[in-house]
Amino acid sequence: MTLARLVPVLALALATACADDGRASETSLASTTVVASTSTGDPPTSDPATSTPTSSASTTADPTTAATTTTATTDPLTSSSSGATTCAGPDCDMCQDGETRCTGEVSEICDAGQWLEFELCDPLQGLSCGAQGVCEGSCAAAKLGQSYIGCDFYPTVTSQHDDYNQDPHVFAVTIANTTDIAAKVTITRGDVDVAMTTVDPGSVEAVTLPWVTELSEGPGPSALVIDGAYRLRSDQPVTVYQYNPFAATVSNDASLLIPVNAWGKKIVVASSTEAFDYPSFYAVVAAHDLTTVTLTPSATGKTVLAGGGVMADGSGQLVLDRGDVLQVLTDSGDLTGTVVDADKPVQVIGGSKCLFAPINVFACDHGEESIFPVDTLAKTYVIVPPAQYPNGVQENPQIVRVIASEANTALTFTPDQPVGKLLAAVGDYVELPAGTAKFVVSADKRVLVSQFMASSGSHPAMILAVTPAQWRDDYLVHAPPSWEVNFVDIVAKTGTAVMVDGAAIPPLTAIPGTTYAYTHVKLSNLGDGNHRITGSDKLGISIYGLQTAGSYWYPGGLDLALIPPG
């Protein structure tokens, strides 16, 4: 079949796919707890770039040969040659494997001599199907690479103390544009348009979003919330941080969001211990329809509030569609170390409804952080404590956990720390009690490291450490001026020259016995909260805000390059 005659057939197939509500997978969840979205509008349509509509094929008879041609739309993440286009007419448009072409804004690729849908070139991400048959634009996958910079994000409300998940408190995202072109940003939930904004070059914009009460309120149970996540798309690469809630108050935290192009299929959860009936949690978000998620609880994560397809022992296998959120909440214990496996990339956010650190100090604060995929983790991390409220003269104690992504992981600390050095099973962890030690932790296998700001002058907060293997040399971040004081912590190789907002800072303080150094820098609250940190070499940064009661803490950014095991 010629390309001209194939176009209407594909158009019909795509129209059929989009007419399907994309919820066939829910029939397997009939016995689970499913919370319907509160968003308005028609049921969400399947995204032809991500759905797998098995019934969306069109069949036409060729009037000159009476032969039949079948053209099916296929999700590139689930396709195989067995579901490829079959062709029986003398004018079939056969192809060479790996060849690409455009059908409208759909990029197709040849597989086993058959044309298959490969990718929808999303105009909201500034993409169009180009002369080479692939999506082109600043947001094309080949240009983005693997980092915290992207064009497609899923802001997700998580469980929050019930005094702080409603008016006047607001959930919000900040969007930073480091390019020299204005970024047009569109935020949706399901099929409903929620917000649009333009972020000027080199600036940061804050956008408030309605609470998703099915996720933020109440003590549980675990639940699958259809269209529970927002989707944020930009036509230029941006970075996105979410605040739960935004303005300075008693129960805050913030997360660096990972763009879809850097999501992974395996995540080891970082969470916290439930205390005083405030559950800890993790939330799984899908970007593709028919995403199968398998949950394997850790030794400490086997007592959860059953629901949403999750058993009381923390195990489960269920299917999520694009934008769906599965939030798992503890009944007791700690979800840290639970493994989330998926057949398509997912986002996982871990944390606590109200975090106690340590649990015997009665002062809690919402904690959360986006969790890095296992295949981006490394073996070496540099750990320093945050500055203490109000002026940063002293350092705030922190609790540190080192979590195994592989069995039989051996640890080394420089300087040495008084904790166990062997993690026997996947998900096992060691915890360093509250203190202000500065050290490098090394492992013989990839690990995840979480840090908890302890209650000492301010309330707790949570962050994940970034390995030096994923550091960058230039960051644009936002620190809301509504906080009494904001800091950036900087870690780098000894001798690295650093500038904050265009001004050189004093040399960093060396960490004894290592080749690394660190510093705390108080950020000015006089401007709009936007700050730029650069280095003569790569460096790691974290941003946090403090007040008498309340805090937030998040990584300023990172690369998310794949790091091989071993």
Protein backbone atom coordinates (compact mmCIF):
# COMPACT_ATOMS: atom_id res chain seq x y z
CA MET A 1 0.00 0.00 0.00
CA THR A 2 1.34 3.44 -0.86
CA LEU A 3 1.93 6.03 1.87
CA ALA A 4 -0.89 8.18 0.50
CA ARG A 5 -3.35 5.31 0.86
CA LEU A 6 -1.95 4.27 4.29
CA VAL A 7 -2.55 7.67 5.91
CA PRO A 8 -6.37 7.48 6.08
CA VAL A 9 -6.19 3.92 7.36
CA LEU A 10 -3.87 5.00 10.19
CA ALA A 11 -6.03 8.02 10.88
CA LEU A 12 -9.06 5.75 11.26
CA ALA A 13 -7.09 3.42 13.53
CA LEU A 14 -5.94 6.33 15.69
CA ALA A 15 -9.46 7.71 15.85
CA THR A 16 -10.71 4.32 16.98
CA ALA A 17 -7.98 4.18 19.62
CA CYS A 18 -8.86 7.64 20.91
CA ALA A 19 -12.54 6.78 21.05
CA ASP A 20 -11.72 4.03 23.54
CA ASP A 21 -11.69 5.36 27.11
CA GLY A 22 -8.48 3.45 27.79
CA ARG A 23 -9.88 1.76 30.90
CA ALA A 24 -10.16 -1.87 29.76
CA SER A 25 -7.52 -2.78 32.31
CA GLU A 26 -9.84 -1.82 35.17
CA THR A 27 -11.86 -5.00 34.70
CA SER A 28 -9.03 -6.86 36.41
CA LEU A 29 -9.34 -4.48 39.38
CA ALA A 30 -12.98 -5.06 40.14
CA SER A 31 -12.22 -6.36 43.61
CA THR A 32 -9.78 -3.59 44.52
CA THR A 33 -10.27 -0.19 46.10
CA VAL A 34 -10.36 2.34 43.25
CA VAL A 35 -10.98 6.02 43.91
CA ALA A 36 -12.54 7.87 40.99
CA SER A 37 -11.06 11.17 39.92
CA THR A 38 -12.84 14.32 41.01
CA SER A 39 -11.79 16.14 37.85
CA THR A 40 -14.56 17.26 35.56
CA GLY A 41 -15.03 16.59 31.87
CA ASP A 42 -15.32 13.52 29.73
CA PRO A 43 -13.46 10.29 30.55
CA PRO A 44 -9.80 10.45 29.55
CA THR A 45 -8.91 9.37 26.07
CA SER A 46 -6.11 7.00 25.26
CA ASP A 47 -2.92 8.66 24.16
CA PRO A 48 -1.96 7.06 20.82
CA ALA A 49 1.65 7.37 21.89
CA THR A 50 1.11 5.32 25.03
CA SER A 51 -2.03 3.20 24.73
CA THR A 52 -2.30 -0.38 23.51
CA PRO A 53 -5.82 -0.63 22.05
CA THR A 54 -6.06 -4.22 20.88
CA SER A 55 -9.34 -3.53 19.12
CA SER A 56 -8.25 -0.35 17.33
CA ALA A 57 -7.37 -1.89 13.97
CA SER A 58 -9.08 -0.95 10.75
CA THR A 59 -9.61 -3.41 7.89
CA THR A 60 -10.10 -2.27 4.32
CA ALA A 61 -10.58 -4.23 1.11
CA ASP A 62 -8.37 -3.26 -1.81
CA PRO A 63 -10.86 -2.89 -4.72
CA THR A 64 -8.25 -3.88 -7.31
CA THR A 65 -7.14 -7.10 -5.65
CA ALA A 66 -9.84 -7.88 -3.07
CA ALA A 67 -6.95 -8.33 -0.66
CA THR A 68 -7.21 -7.19 2.98
CA THR A 69 -4.85 -4.77 4.70
CA THR A 70 -4.85 -4.43 8.49
CA THR A 71 -3.20 -1.48 10.19
CA ALA A 72 -2.95 -1.41 14.01
CA THR A 73 -1.73 1.32 16.32
CA THR A 74 0.80 -0.07 18.77
CA ASP A 75 2.46 1.22 21.91
CA PRO A 76 6.22 1.15 21.21
CA LEU A 77 6.78 0.04 24.81
CA THR A 78 4.73 -3.13 24.33
CA SER A 79 4.94 -3.83 20.62
CA SER A 80 6.46 -6.87 18.96
CA SER A 81 6.63 -8.17 15.46
CA SER A 82 3.70 -10.48 16.25
CA GLY A 83 1.44 -7.41 16.41
CA ALA A 84 2.92 -5.74 13.35
CA THR A 85 1.11 -4.54 10.26
CA THR A 86 0.30 -7.41 7.90
CA CYS A 87 0.09 -6.71 4.21
CA ALA A 88 -1.36 -8.84 1.41
CA GLY A 89 -1.78 -6.54 -1.60
CA PRO A 90 0.64 -6.13 -4.54
CA ASP A 91 1.16 -2.46 -3.65
CA CYS A 92 2.09 -3.09 0.01
CA ASP A 93 4.57 -0.53 1.30
CA MET A 94 7.27 -2.84 2.67
CA CYS A 95 10.25 -1.35 4.52
CA GLN A 96 13.73 -1.96 5.87
CA ASP A 97 14.10 -2.56 9.62
CA GLY A 98 14.93 0.67 11.49
CA GLU A 99 13.55 2.91 8.75
CA THR A 100 11.32 5.73 10.00
CA ARG A 101 8.61 7.92 8.48
CA CYS A 102 5.83 10.34 9.44
CA THR A 103 2.10 9.82 9.20
CA GLY A 104 0.77 13.19 10.25
CA GLU A 105 2.36 13.82 13.66
CA VAL A 106 2.90 10.10 14.28
CA SER A 107 6.44 8.80 13.85
CA GLU A 108 6.50 5.22 12.56
CA ILE A 109 9.35 2.72 12.57
CA CYS A 110 9.90 -0.39 10.50
CA ASP A 111 10.08 -3.63 12.48
CA ALA A 112 10.43 -7.01 10.77
CA GLY A 113 9.42 -5.45 7.46
CA GLN A 114 6.26 -3.88 8.90
CA TRP A 115 5.41 -0.29 9.81
CA LEU A 116 4.62 0.26 13.51
CA GLU A 117 3.63 3.39 15.38
CA PHE A 118 6.68 4.54 17.34
CA GLU A 119 5.89 7.93 18.88
CA LEU A 120 3.34 10.73 18.86
CA CYS A 121 5.09 14.06 18.29
CA ASP A 122 3.28 16.04 20.99
CA PRO A 123 2.73 19.69 19.92
CA LEU A 124 2.42 20.71 23.60
CA GLN A 125 6.07 19.68 23.90
CA GLY A 126 6.96 21.68 20.79
CA LEU A 127 7.44 18.50 18.74
CA SER A 128 6.64 17.82 15.11
CA CYS A 129 7.39 14.87 12.86
CA GLY A 130 10.33 15.87 10.66
CA ALA A 131 11.88 14.93 7.35
CA GLN A 132 13.77 12.02 8.92
CA GLY A 133 10.54 10.46 10.14
CA VAL A 134 11.20 11.15 13.83
CA CYS A 135 10.01 13.77 16.31
CA GLU A 136 11.97 17.01 16.11
CA GLY A 137 12.21 19.99 18.45
CA SER A 138 13.98 21.10 21.61
CA CYS A 139 12.09 18.44 23.58
CA ALA A 140 13.05 15.53 21.33
CA ALA A 141 14.39 12.63 23.36
CA ALA A 142 17.77 12.68 21.61
CA LYS A 143 18.28 16.33 22.62
CA LEU A 144 17.07 16.07 26.21
CA GLY A 145 19.44 13.37 27.38
CA GLN A 146 19.05 11.94 30.91
CA SER A 147 18.74 14.55 33.64
CA TYR A 148 16.26 16.49 35.77
CA ILE A 149 15.65 18.77 32.76
CA GLY A 150 12.73 17.76 30.56
CA CYS A 151 9.43 18.67 28.95
CA ASP A 152 6.94 16.17 30.43
CA PHE A 153 6.35 15.94 34.20
CA TYR A 154 3.70 14.55 36.55
CA PRO A 155 3.21 16.72 39.68
CA THR A 156 1.56 14.53 42.31
CA VAL A 157 -0.17 15.48 45.56
CA THR A 158 0.73 13.14 48.43
CA SER A 159 -0.58 12.48 51.93
CA GLN A 160 -0.36 15.63 54.06
CA HIS A 161 -1.30 16.53 57.64
CA ASP A 162 -5.01 17.31 57.53
CA ASP A 163 -4.56 20.77 59.05
CA TYR A 164 -2.40 21.81 56.08
CA ASN A 165 -3.99 20.23 52.98
CA GLN A 166 -6.77 22.76 52.48
CA ASP A 167 -7.28 26.52 52.15
CA PRO A 168 -5.46 28.78 52.82
CA HIS A 169 -2.63 26.31 52.13
CA VAL A 170 -2.00 25.49 48.47
CA PHE A 171 -0.16 22.83 46.50
CA ALA A 172 2.15 24.33 43.86
CA VAL A 173 4.91 23.74 41.35
CA THR A 174 7.75 26.00 40.31
CA ILE A 175 9.04 25.84 36.74
CA ALA A 176 12.59 26.99 35.91
CA ASN A 177 13.57 27.80 32.33
CA THR A 178 17.33 27.75 31.71
CA THR A 179 17.03 28.16 27.92
CA ASP A 180 17.13 31.41 25.95
CA ILE A 181 13.61 30.86 24.55
CA ALA A 182 10.33 31.45 26.41
CA ALA A 183 8.68 28.17 27.48
CA LYS A 184 4.94 27.68 26.99
CA VAL A 185 3.66 25.39 29.75
CA THR A 186 0.35 23.50 29.84
CA ILE A 187 -0.92 21.64 32.92
CA THR A 188 -3.78 19.14 32.66
CA ARG A 189 -5.44 16.50 34.82
CA GLY A 190 -6.98 13.75 32.74
CA ASP A 191 -8.70 15.54 29.86
CA VAL A 192 -9.19 18.76 31.82
CA ASP A 193 -7.03 21.84 31.21
CA VAL A 194 -5.91 23.19 34.57
CA ALA A 195 -3.40 25.97 33.90
CA MET A 196 -1.26 27.58 31.21
CA THR A 197 1.70 29.90 31.68
CA THR A 198 4.78 31.22 29.92
CA VAL A 199 8.16 31.05 31.63
CA ASP A 200 10.61 33.63 30.32
CA PRO A 201 14.23 32.68 29.59
CA GLY A 202 16.33 32.37 32.73
CA SER A 203 13.35 32.76 35.06
CA VAL A 204 11.14 30.69 37.37
CA GLU A 205 7.34 30.73 37.57
CA ALA A 206 5.17 29.35 40.40
CA VAL A 207 1.77 27.81 39.59
CA THR A 208 -0.71 26.81 42.31
CA LEU A 209 -2.83 23.71 41.72
CA PRO A 210 -5.93 22.34 43.47
CA TRP A 211 -5.43 19.70 46.14
CA VAL A 212 -6.27 16.15 45.11
CA THR A 213 -8.10 15.30 48.31
CA GLU A 214 -8.27 11.56 47.60
CA LEU A 215 -4.48 11.56 48.03
CA SER A 216 -3.86 14.36 50.53
CA GLU A 217 -6.56 13.83 53.16
CA GLY A 218 -7.30 11.25 55.81
CA PRO A 219 -5.43 8.31 57.35
CA GLY A 220 -5.90 5.91 54.41
CA PRO A 221 -6.42 3.25 53.19
CA SER A 222 -4.05 2.69 50.29
CA ALA A 223 -5.84 3.63 47.08
CA LEU A 224 -5.61 3.77 43.31
CA VAL A 225 -6.76 7.22 42.18
CA ILE A 226 -7.66 7.43 38.50
CA ASP A 227 -6.17 10.55 36.90
CA GLY A 228 -4.78 11.43 40.31
CA ALA A 229 -1.67 13.15 38.94
CA TYR A 230 -1.32 16.40 37.07
CA ARG A 231 0.56 16.39 33.78
CA LEU A 232 2.85 19.35 33.04
CA ARG A 233 4.16 19.78 29.50
CA SER A 234 6.47 22.48 28.16
CA ASP A 235 7.59 23.27 24.61
CA GLN A 236 11.10 24.04 25.92
CA PRO A 237 13.21 22.05 28.41
CA VAL A 238 12.51 23.11 32.00
CA THR A 239 13.01 21.90 35.56
CA VAL A 240 10.08 21.44 37.94
CA TYR A 241 9.81 21.32 41.73
CA GLN A 242 6.62 20.64 43.68
CA TYR A 243 5.74 22.10 47.09
CA ASN A 244 3.31 20.43 49.52
CA PRO A 245 2.21 23.05 50.51
CA PHE A 246 3.84 26.10 48.89
CA ALA A 247 3.91 28.99 51.36
CA ALA A 248 5.91 28.72 54.58
CA THR A 249 3.91 26.98 57.28
CA VAL A 250 4.24 24.25 59.91
CA SER A 251 4.01 21.13 57.69
CA ASN A 252 5.93 21.50 54.40
CA ASP A 253 8.26 19.69 52.08
CA ALA A 254 9.28 19.90 48.44
CA SER A 255 10.38 17.48 45.73
CA LEU A 256 12.51 17.73 42.64
CA LEU A 257 10.36 16.17 39.92
CA ILE A 258 11.94 13.77 37.44
CA PRO A 259 10.83 14.16 33.79
CA VAL A 260 9.21 11.19 32.08
CA ASN A 261 12.21 10.67 29.79
CA ALA A 262 14.34 9.87 32.88
CA TRP A 263 11.87 7.59 34.72
CA GLY A 264 12.82 3.97 35.40
CA LYS A 265 11.18 0.57 35.67
CA LYS A 266 12.68 -0.41 39.05
CA ILE A 267 12.69 1.78 42.15
CA VAL A 268 13.69 1.00 45.73
CA VAL A 269 11.48 3.04 48.06
CA ALA A 270 12.87 5.57 50.53
CA SER A 271 10.29 6.41 53.19
CA SER A 272 10.22 6.70 56.99
CA THR A 273 8.90 4.97 60.11
CA GLU A 274 5.24 5.49 60.98
CA ALA A 275 4.80 7.29 64.29
CA PHE A 276 1.82 8.45 66.35
CA ASP A 277 -0.65 7.15 63.71
CA TYR A 278 0.79 9.34 60.93
CA PRO A 279 1.44 6.87 58.10
CA SER A 280 4.43 6.87 55.83
CA PHE A 281 3.77 6.32 52.13
CA TYR A 282 4.96 5.90 48.60
CA ALA A 283 3.05 6.93 45.48
CA VAL A 284 3.45 5.29 42.06
CA VAL A 285 2.50 7.27 38.92
CA ALA A 286 2.16 5.91 35.37
CA ALA A 287 2.81 7.83 32.15
CA HIS A 288 1.61 5.02 29.87
CA ASP A 289 -1.66 3.13 29.70
CA LEU A 290 -1.65 -0.52 30.76
CA THR A 291 1.40 -0.22 33.01
CA THR A 292 1.74 -3.35 35.14
CA VAL A 293 3.22 -2.62 38.58
CA THR A 294 4.54 -5.31 40.95
CA LEU A 295 5.21 -4.53 44.62
CA THR A 296 7.68 -6.52 46.73
CA PRO A 297 7.66 -5.37 50.37
CA SER A 298 10.85 -5.02 52.37
CA ALA A 299 11.40 -6.65 55.74
CA THR A 300 10.00 -3.52 57.44
CA GLY A 301 7.27 -2.81 54.88
CA LYS A 302 4.87 -5.72 55.40
CA THR A 303 2.12 -3.96 57.37
CA VAL A 304 0.17 -1.60 55.13
CA LEU A 305 -3.38 -0.33 54.91
CA ALA A 306 -4.76 -2.64 52.22
CA GLY A 307 -6.53 -1.10 49.24
CA GLY A 308 -6.11 -0.14 45.60
CA GLY A 309 -4.97 -3.68 44.75
CA VAL A 310 -2.34 -3.75 47.52
CA MET A 311 -2.51 -6.52 50.10
CA ALA A 312 -2.12 -5.98 53.85
CA ASP A 313 1.38 -7.50 53.65
CA GLY A 314 2.46 -4.81 51.17
CA SER A 315 2.51 -7.06 48.12
CA GLY A 316 0.46 -6.57 44.97
CA GLN A 317 0.34 -6.55 41.21
CA LEU A 318 -1.96 -4.12 39.42
CA VAL A 319 -2.39 -2.09 36.26
CA LEU A 320 -2.20 1.72 36.02
CA ASP A 321 -3.12 3.92 33.08
CA ARG A 322 -1.59 7.26 32.20
CA GLY A 323 -1.95 9.74 35.08
CA ASP A 324 -3.19 7.17 37.60
CA VAL A 325 -1.68 7.24 41.10
CA LEU A 326 -1.31 4.32 43.49
CA GLN A 327 -0.61 5.60 47.02
CA VAL A 328 0.43 2.95 49.55
CA LEU A 329 0.18 3.84 53.25
CA THR A 330 1.58 2.06 56.28
CA ASP A 331 -0.54 0.50 59.02
CA SER A 332 2.68 0.38 61.03
CA GLY A 333 6.35 -0.09 60.29
CA ASP A 334 8.38 1.46 57.48
CA LEU A 335 8.05 1.15 53.69
CA THR A 336 11.75 1.85 53.11
CA GLY A 337 13.33 -0.82 50.91
CA THR A 338 10.11 -1.94 49.22
CA VAL A 339 10.79 -2.62 45.53
CA VAL A 340 8.52 -1.25 42.81
CA ASP A 341 8.91 -3.07 39.48
CA ALA A 342 6.98 -2.01 36.36
CA ASP A 343 6.89 -3.07 32.73
CA LYS A 344 6.96 0.58 31.66
CA PRO A 345 8.74 3.53 33.34
CA VAL A 346 7.04 4.97 36.44
CA GLN A 347 7.52 7.78 38.94
CA VAL A 348 7.70 6.98 42.66
CA ILE A 349 7.52 9.55 45.48
CA GLY A 350 8.24 8.40 49.03
CA GLY A 351 7.67 10.12 52.34
CA SER A 352 5.47 10.58 55.38
CA LYS A 353 2.16 12.26 56.11
CA CYS A 354 3.89 13.88 59.07
CA LEU A 355 7.54 12.93 59.60
CA PHE A 356 9.07 12.50 63.05
CA ALA A 357 12.88 12.63 63.12
CA PRO A 358 13.75 11.20 65.54
CA ILE A 359 10.46 9.54 66.42
CA ASN A 360 10.83 10.27 70.15
CA VAL A 361 10.74 14.05 69.52
CA PHE A 362 7.14 15.16 69.22
CA ALA A 363 7.40 17.61 66.32
CA CYS A 364 6.40 16.46 62.85
CA ASP A 365 6.43 17.87 59.35
CA HIS A 366 5.32 16.49 55.98
CA GLY A 367 8.19 14.75 54.21
CA GLU A 368 8.50 13.65 50.57
CA GLU A 369 10.97 13.17 47.73
CA SER A 370 10.96 11.80 44.18
CA ILE A 371 13.01 8.60 44.18
CA PHE A 372 15.78 8.05 41.65
CA PRO A 373 15.50 4.87 39.53
CA VAL A 374 17.80 2.00 40.52
CA ASP A 375 19.72 2.17 37.25
CA THR A 376 20.78 5.78 38.04
CA LEU A 377 22.14 4.97 41.52
CA ALA A 378 25.86 4.73 42.27
CA LYS A 379 28.30 3.46 44.89
CA THR A 380 29.64 6.73 46.36
CA TYR A 381 27.86 9.60 48.13
CA VAL A 382 29.09 12.67 50.04
CA ILE A 383 26.96 13.39 53.11
CA VAL A 384 26.84 16.69 55.02
CA PRO A 385 24.25 18.01 57.51
CA PRO A 386 22.15 21.13 56.83
CA ALA A 387 22.57 24.47 58.55
CA GLN A 388 20.46 25.15 61.62
CA TYR A 389 17.72 27.75 62.06
CA PRO A 390 17.83 30.72 62.44
CA ASN A 391 21.18 31.93 61.13
CA GLY A 392 23.10 28.84 60.03
CA VAL A 393 25.95 29.42 62.49
CA GLN A 394 25.42 25.91 63.83
CA GLU A 395 24.66 22.74 61.88
CA ASN A 396 21.38 20.87 62.27
CA PRO A 397 21.58 17.19 63.22
CA GLN A 398 20.38 14.73 60.59
CA ILE A 399 19.49 11.05 60.39
CA VAL A 400 21.01 9.17 57.43
CA ARG A 401 19.94 5.89 55.87
CA VAL A 402 21.90 3.83 53.34
CA ILE A 403 19.58 1.47 51.45
CA ALA A 404 20.62 -1.59 49.43
CA SER A 405 19.43 -2.03 45.85
CA GLU A 406 21.23 -5.40 45.67
CA ALA A 407 21.82 -8.23 48.15
CA ASN A 408 25.07 -8.59 50.10
CA THR A 409 26.14 -4.96 49.80
CA ALA A 410 29.24 -3.98 51.77
CA LEU A 411 29.67 -0.39 53.03
CA THR A 412 32.69 1.77 53.88
CA PHE A 413 32.55 5.16 55.61
CA THR A 414 35.25 7.86 55.48
CA PRO A 415 35.68 8.94 58.24
CA ASP A 416 34.31 5.72 59.76
CA GLN A 417 30.81 5.73 61.27
CA PRO A 418 29.58 3.44 64.10
CA VAL A 419 26.99 1.44 62.11
CA GLY A 420 26.76 -1.97 60.47
CA LYS A 421 28.63 -2.41 57.22
CA LEU A 422 26.75 -5.25 55.48
CA LEU A 423 23.29 -5.11 53.90
CA ALA A 424 22.23 -8.71 53.38
CA ALA A 425 19.06 -8.29 51.31
CA VAL A 426 17.59 -5.89 48.77
CA GLY A 427 15.85 -3.12 50.72
CA ASP A 428 17.87 -3.58 53.91
CA TYR A 429 19.30 -0.36 55.32
CA VAL A 430 21.55 1.00 58.04
CA GLU A 431 20.54 4.14 59.93
CA LEU A 432 22.97 6.64 61.39
CA PRO A 433 21.38 8.33 64.43
CA ALA A 434 20.94 12.09 64.57
CA GLY A 435 24.29 13.86 64.32
CA THR A 436 26.33 16.34 62.32
CA ALA A 437 29.03 14.04 60.92
CA LYS A 438 30.39 14.78 57.45
CA PHE A 439 31.53 11.70 55.53
CA VAL A 440 31.75 9.77 52.29
CA VAL A 441 29.88 6.46 52.10
CA SER A 442 31.08 3.92 49.52
CA ALA A 443 29.58 0.56 48.61
CA ASP A 444 30.52 -2.37 46.43
CA LYS A 445 27.04 -2.26 44.83
CA ARG A 446 24.63 0.57 44.02
CA VAL A 447 22.85 2.14 47.01
CA LEU A 448 20.25 4.82 47.72
CA VAL A 449 20.90 7.33 50.51
CA SER A 450 18.17 9.30 52.31
CA GLN A 451 18.67 12.14 54.80
CA PHE A 452 16.23 13.45 57.41
CA MET A 453 16.63 16.90 58.94
CA ALA A 454 16.14 16.24 62.65
CA SER A 455 13.87 18.31 64.89
CA SER A 456 16.28 20.86 66.32
CA GLY A 457 15.21 24.47 66.02
CA SER A 458 12.97 23.59 63.07
CA HIS A 459 10.75 20.70 62.02
CA PRO A 460 11.96 17.65 60.03
CA ALA A 461 12.37 17.40 56.26
CA MET A 462 13.51 14.68 53.84
CA ILE A 463 15.94 14.58 50.92
CA LEU A 464 17.82 12.04 48.81
CA ALA A 465 21.59 12.39 48.42
CA VAL A 466 22.95 12.82 44.89
CA THR A 467 26.02 10.85 43.90
CA PRO A 468 29.04 12.78 42.50
CA ALA A 469 28.57 10.69 39.34
CA GLN A 470 25.37 12.69 38.66
CA TRP A 471 26.51 16.19 39.69
CA ARG A 472 26.32 19.16 37.29
CA ASP A 473 28.15 22.51 37.07
CA ASP A 474 25.17 24.87 36.60
CA TYR A 475 21.81 25.05 38.42
CA LEU A 476 18.82 27.41 38.32
CA VAL A 477 16.62 26.92 41.42
CA HIS A 478 13.82 28.55 43.39
CA ALA A 479 13.77 29.19 47.14
CA PRO A 480 10.45 30.81 48.15
CA PRO A 481 11.13 34.16 49.91
CA SER A 482 8.14 33.53 52.19
CA TRP A 483 10.44 31.42 54.36
CA GLU A 484 12.30 33.17 57.18
CA VAL A 485 15.60 31.86 55.84
CA ASN A 486 16.70 29.81 52.82
CA PHE A 487 20.02 28.03 52.30
CA VAL A 488 21.90 26.21 49.57
CA ASP A 489 24.32 23.49 50.65
CA ILE A 490 27.16 22.88 48.18
CA VAL A 491 29.41 19.81 47.97
CA ALA A 492 32.26 19.58 45.46
CA LYS A 493 35.79 18.38 44.88
CA THR A 494 38.28 20.29 47.02
CA GLY A 495 39.45 23.41 45.17
CA THR A 496 36.29 23.89 43.10
CA ALA A 497 35.43 27.58 42.66
CA VAL A 498 31.72 28.29 43.18
CA MET A 499 29.51 31.28 42.35
CA VAL A 500 26.07 31.95 43.83
CA ASP A 501 23.95 34.51 42.00
CA GLY A 502 27.01 35.72 40.12
CA ALA A 503 29.17 36.29 43.20
CA ALA A 504 32.14 34.15 44.19
CA ILE A 505 31.85 32.51 47.60
CA PRO A 506 34.69 31.69 50.05
CA PRO A 507 36.54 28.39 49.58
CA LEU A 508 34.68 25.29 50.71
CA THR A 509 35.56 23.45 53.93
CA ALA A 510 37.37 20.14 53.43
CA ILE A 511 35.89 16.88 54.73
CA PRO A 512 38.77 15.14 56.56
CA GLY A 513 40.19 12.07 54.89
CA THR A 514 38.43 12.74 51.57
CA THR A 515 38.91 14.76 48.41
CA TYR A 516 35.61 16.59 48.94
CA ALA A 517 34.58 19.88 50.56
CA TYR A 518 31.32 21.61 51.47
CA THR A 519 29.67 24.85 52.56
CA HIS A 520 26.33 26.34 53.60
CA VAL A 521 25.28 29.58 51.87
CA LYS A 522 22.40 31.72 53.09
CA LEU A 523 20.30 32.88 50.12
CA SER A 524 18.90 36.39 49.83
CA ASN A 525 15.15 36.76 50.30
CA LEU A 526 15.10 40.24 48.75
CA GLY A 527 14.41 39.11 45.19
CA ASP A 528 11.94 36.76 43.54
CA GLY A 529 13.46 33.58 45.01
CA ASN A 530 15.33 32.58 41.84
CA HIS A 531 19.00 31.68 42.26
CA ARG A 532 21.81 30.40 40.05
CA ILE A 533 24.69 28.27 41.34
CA THR A 534 27.68 27.47 39.12
CA GLY A 535 31.05 25.82 39.62
CA SER A 536 34.43 25.50 37.93
CA ASP A 537 33.85 21.76 38.26
CA LYS A 538 30.75 19.65 38.86
CA LEU A 539 29.08 20.05 42.24
CA GLY A 540 26.05 18.83 44.17
CA ILE A 541 23.53 21.20 45.76
CA SER A 542 20.50 21.03 48.02
CA ILE A 543 17.99 23.81 48.70
CA TYR A 544 16.05 24.23 51.93
CA GLY A 545 13.99 26.74 53.88
CA LEU A 546 13.62 27.05 57.65
CA GLN A 547 11.48 28.76 60.23
CA THR A 548 10.58 28.18 63.89
CA ALA A 549 8.28 25.30 62.93
CA GLY A 550 8.41 24.01 59.38
CA SER A 551 10.97 23.26 56.69
CA TYR A 552 11.45 22.02 53.14
CA TRP A 553 14.48 20.35 51.51
CA TYR A 554 15.15 19.15 47.97
CA PRO A 555 18.07 18.35 45.63
CA GLY A 556 18.80 21.32 43.39
CA GLY A 557 19.19 19.03 40.38
CA LEU A 558 21.18 16.17 38.93
CA ASP A 559 21.95 14.13 35.87
CA LEU A 560 20.12 10.81 35.65
CA ALA A 561 22.51 8.93 33.42
CA LEU A 562 22.28 5.14 33.48
CA ILE A 563 24.99 3.65 35.70
CA PRO A 564 25.71 -0.06 35.07
CA PRO A 565 25.76 -2.44 38.05
CA GLY A 566 28.89 -4.19 39.23
